[in-house]
Amino acid sequence: MLAFSLLRPVHAQGTFGFGNWPEVAFVTYAPEYGIDAPVSFNNGTRIGPEFTGQLFGGPAGTPVSALEPLYPIASFTYFPDQPEYNGYIFTGGGVHVPHLNSMLQATVVLRAYNGSSWDTSTYRGESGPITVQFFNPSGPDAILSGLQGFTVEAVPEPGTICLLAGGGLMLVSLGRATVKNKQAKHRTM
């Protein structure tokens, strides 16, 4: 099993980067803390190193659509290239969480995607939102307690969406034309 530490030492005031923002440990498998959140394709196969994992967050209660990207200390995190560990993040390090509510809580979701960004990916998925509790802004990392596994799905091509929408409009138009033709025939009889 991969070894890692969820807790980091407390930093002295003024030495913690990014304005003393608290951090959450970016780890999706830590059974001793109740975290077991694999990311898989719809068929159950776990994703691998072609996917990026990124946390999005905001003060507790923020709607998912308004969450902002959270940035890891070093770089974005990729899923491992080891079949027994695919779908999990073990060494994501701490992720800065700049905005908390007055109770030191944040709403966080994990997104997994295979492109250079969420918007340009051909496969992507998102966890359900969780509330992360921090105990001290410059203290040990909070954990992703309550994070559940999720699936990634193919993102429809914009051309496909337009084609389906156009086809739907055409069917509606044909349906209306057929109804009007039947009404006109009925009136002439």
Protein backbone atom coordinates (compact mmCIF):
# COMPACT_ATOMS: atom_id res chain seq x y z
CA MET A 1 0.00 0.00 0.00
CA LEU A 2 1.21 3.48 -0.71
CA ALA A 3 2.22 5.40 2.37
CA PHE A 4 1.28 9.01 2.80
CA SER A 5 0.58 11.48 5.54
CA LEU A 6 -2.68 13.37 5.69
CA LEU A 7 -1.42 15.76 8.30
CA ARG A 8 1.32 18.30 7.90
CA PRO A 9 3.10 20.13 10.66
CA VAL A 10 1.69 23.44 11.81
CA HIS A 11 3.52 26.36 10.18
CA ALA A 12 4.57 29.39 12.16
CA GLN A 13 2.55 32.54 11.59
CA GLY A 14 3.78 34.35 8.49
CA THR A 15 5.56 31.36 6.93
CA PHE A 16 2.48 29.74 5.43
CA GLY A 17 2.02 30.68 1.77
CA PHE A 18 -1.06 32.17 0.11
CA GLY A 19 -2.15 34.39 3.01
CA ASN A 20 -2.51 31.62 5.63
CA TRP A 21 -5.24 29.86 3.68
CA PRO A 22 -6.08 26.46 5.08
CA GLU A 23 -5.48 23.32 3.05
CA VAL A 24 -7.32 20.09 2.40
CA ALA A 25 -5.33 16.87 1.88
CA PHE A 26 -5.96 15.82 -1.74
CA VAL A 27 -6.23 12.08 -1.14
CA THR A 28 -9.14 9.93 -2.34
CA TYR A 29 -8.16 6.63 -0.68
CA ALA A 30 -7.49 6.54 3.05
CA PRO A 31 -9.60 3.79 4.61
CA GLU A 32 -8.34 4.63 8.08
CA TYR A 33 -10.13 7.98 7.67
CA GLY A 34 -13.19 6.54 5.92
CA ILE A 35 -12.16 7.82 2.48
CA ASP A 36 -12.62 5.42 -0.45
CA ALA A 37 -13.68 7.37 -3.54
CA PRO A 38 -12.57 5.71 -6.80
CA VAL A 39 -13.27 7.36 -10.15
CA SER A 40 -14.39 4.97 -12.91
CA PHE A 41 -15.82 4.77 -16.41
CA ASN A 42 -19.49 3.70 -16.71
CA ASN A 43 -18.38 0.09 -17.24
CA GLY A 44 -16.60 0.02 -13.84
CA THR A 45 -13.04 0.28 -15.18
CA ARG A 46 -11.10 2.77 -13.11
CA ILE A 47 -9.52 5.77 -14.82
CA GLY A 48 -5.75 6.13 -15.15
CA PRO A 49 -2.96 8.64 -15.73
CA GLU A 50 -4.61 10.27 -18.75
CA PHE A 51 -6.99 11.98 -16.29
CA THR A 52 -6.43 15.05 -14.15
CA GLY A 53 -8.05 15.46 -10.76
CA GLN A 54 -8.90 18.95 -9.53
CA LEU A 55 -10.84 20.19 -6.52
CA PHE A 56 -13.32 23.05 -6.84
CA GLY A 57 -14.61 24.84 -3.77
CA GLY A 58 -16.09 27.82 -2.00
CA PRO A 59 -17.60 28.77 1.35
CA ALA A 60 -19.96 26.10 2.73
CA GLY A 61 -23.33 26.31 1.00
CA THR A 62 -21.98 27.66 -2.29
CA PRO A 63 -23.90 26.13 -5.25
CA VAL A 64 -21.78 23.70 -7.29
CA SER A 65 -22.13 25.90 -10.38
CA ALA A 66 -20.43 28.78 -8.53
CA LEU A 67 -17.46 26.82 -7.08
CA GLU A 68 -14.00 28.03 -8.07
CA PRO A 69 -10.94 25.93 -8.97
CA LEU A 70 -8.68 25.18 -6.02
CA TYR A 71 -5.00 24.97 -6.77
CA PRO A 72 -2.59 22.38 -5.40
CA ILE A 73 0.64 23.55 -3.84
CA ALA A 74 2.83 22.05 -6.56
CA SER A 75 0.77 21.11 -9.62
CA PHE A 76 -2.42 19.42 -10.71
CA THR A 77 -2.81 15.84 -9.66
CA TYR A 78 -2.95 12.91 -12.05
CA PHE A 79 -4.35 9.49 -11.33
CA PRO A 80 -1.69 6.75 -10.96
CA ASP A 81 -0.52 4.42 -13.72
CA GLN A 82 -0.71 1.32 -11.54
CA PRO A 83 -3.69 -0.96 -12.22
CA GLU A 84 -4.31 -1.75 -8.55
CA TYR A 85 -4.41 1.98 -7.70
CA ASN A 86 -6.10 3.40 -10.81
CA GLY A 87 -9.00 5.70 -10.03
CA TYR A 88 -7.48 7.02 -6.79
CA ILE A 89 -5.32 9.99 -5.83
CA PHE A 90 -2.71 9.26 -3.17
CA THR A 91 -0.15 12.02 -3.39
CA GLY A 92 -2.09 15.13 -4.23
CA GLY A 93 -0.57 17.09 -1.36
CA GLY A 94 -2.36 20.00 0.21
CA VAL A 95 -4.77 22.15 -1.79
CA HIS A 96 -5.29 25.76 -0.76
CA VAL A 97 -8.86 26.71 0.16
CA PRO A 98 -9.01 30.52 0.19
CA HIS A 99 -12.67 31.07 1.08
CA LEU A 100 -14.41 29.65 4.13
CA ASN A 101 -17.57 30.56 5.97
CA SER A 102 -17.44 31.79 9.56
CA MET A 103 -17.59 28.18 10.85
CA LEU A 104 -14.36 27.30 8.95
CA GLN A 105 -16.24 25.17 6.41
CA ALA A 106 -16.05 24.89 2.64
CA THR A 107 -18.09 23.13 -0.03
CA VAL A 108 -15.80 21.03 -2.24
CA VAL A 109 -16.24 18.79 -5.31
CA LEU A 110 -13.67 16.68 -7.14
CA ARG A 111 -13.63 16.85 -10.93
CA ALA A 112 -11.81 14.35 -13.12
CA TYR A 113 -11.20 15.10 -16.80
CA ASN A 114 -8.98 13.88 -19.64
CA GLY A 115 -8.28 17.10 -21.56
CA SER A 116 -6.12 20.11 -20.87
CA SER A 117 -9.08 21.61 -18.97
CA TRP A 118 -12.56 20.66 -17.79
CA ASP A 119 -14.14 22.55 -20.69
CA THR A 120 -12.03 20.93 -23.43
CA SER A 121 -12.23 17.32 -22.20
CA THR A 122 -13.86 14.46 -24.07
CA TYR A 123 -14.51 12.55 -20.80
CA ARG A 124 -15.27 14.14 -17.46
CA GLY A 125 -17.12 13.59 -14.21
CA GLU A 126 -17.74 15.28 -10.90
CA SER A 127 -18.30 14.08 -7.35
CA GLY A 128 -21.23 15.15 -5.26
CA PRO A 129 -20.51 18.18 -3.08
CA ILE A 130 -19.15 17.65 0.42
CA THR A 131 -18.63 20.05 3.31
CA VAL A 132 -15.05 20.12 4.52
CA GLN A 133 -14.47 21.18 8.13
CA PHE A 134 -11.26 23.03 8.98
CA PHE A 135 -10.15 23.34 12.58
CA ASN A 136 -7.44 25.95 12.35
CA PRO A 137 -6.54 27.96 9.21
CA SER A 138 -2.82 27.36 9.80
CA GLY A 139 -3.19 23.93 11.39
CA PRO A 140 -3.23 20.41 10.01
CA ASP A 141 -4.84 19.69 6.64
CA ALA A 142 -8.54 18.93 6.59
CA ILE A 143 -9.56 15.70 4.85
CA LEU A 144 -12.11 14.87 2.14
CA SER A 145 -14.35 13.05 4.58
CA GLY A 146 -17.61 11.99 2.92
CA LEU A 147 -16.22 12.03 -0.63
CA GLN A 148 -17.89 9.31 -2.72
CA GLY A 149 -16.66 7.64 -5.90
CA PHE A 150 -18.17 8.69 -9.22
CA THR A 151 -18.01 7.97 -12.95
CA VAL A 152 -16.69 9.91 -15.91
CA GLU A 153 -18.75 10.04 -19.09
CA ALA A 154 -18.16 11.02 -22.68
CA VAL A 155 -18.97 14.65 -23.39
CA PRO A 156 -21.21 14.96 -26.46
CA GLU A 157 -19.64 16.84 -29.35
CA PRO A 158 -21.23 20.26 -29.93
CA GLY A 159 -22.04 19.16 -33.49
CA THR A 160 -23.96 16.16 -32.15
CA ILE A 161 -25.95 18.35 -29.80
CA CYS A 162 -26.80 20.77 -32.62
CA LEU A 163 -27.77 17.89 -34.90
CA LEU A 164 -30.06 16.39 -32.25
CA ALA A 165 -31.62 19.78 -31.49
CA GLY A 166 -32.15 20.46 -35.20
CA GLY A 167 -33.67 17.02 -35.70
CA GLY A 168 -36.00 17.57 -32.76
CA LEU A 169 -37.13 20.92 -34.14
CA MET A 170 -37.74 19.35 -37.55
CA LEU A 171 -39.89 16.60 -35.99
CA VAL A 172 -41.92 19.15 -34.08
CA SER A 173 -42.39 21.20 -37.29
CA LEU A 174 -43.44 18.11 -39.28
CA GLY A 175 -45.84 17.14 -36.50
CA ARG A 176 -47.45 20.56 -36.56
CA ALA A 177 -47.66 20.53 -40.36
CA THR A 178 -49.32 17.10 -40.28
CA VAL A 179 -51.87 18.29 -37.72
CA LYS A 180 -52.64 21.41 -39.78
CA ASN A 181 -53.04 19.30 -42.97
CA LYS A 182 -55.46 16.93 -41.20
CA GLN A 183 -57.46 19.88 -39.84
CA ALA A 184 -57.62 21.44 -43.32
CA LYS A 185 -58.83 18.17 -44.86
CA HIS A 186 -61.43 17.77 -42.13
CA ARG A 187 -62.79 21.27 -42.78
CA THR A 188 -63.17 20.68 -46.52
CA MET A 189 -65.18 17.49 -46.02
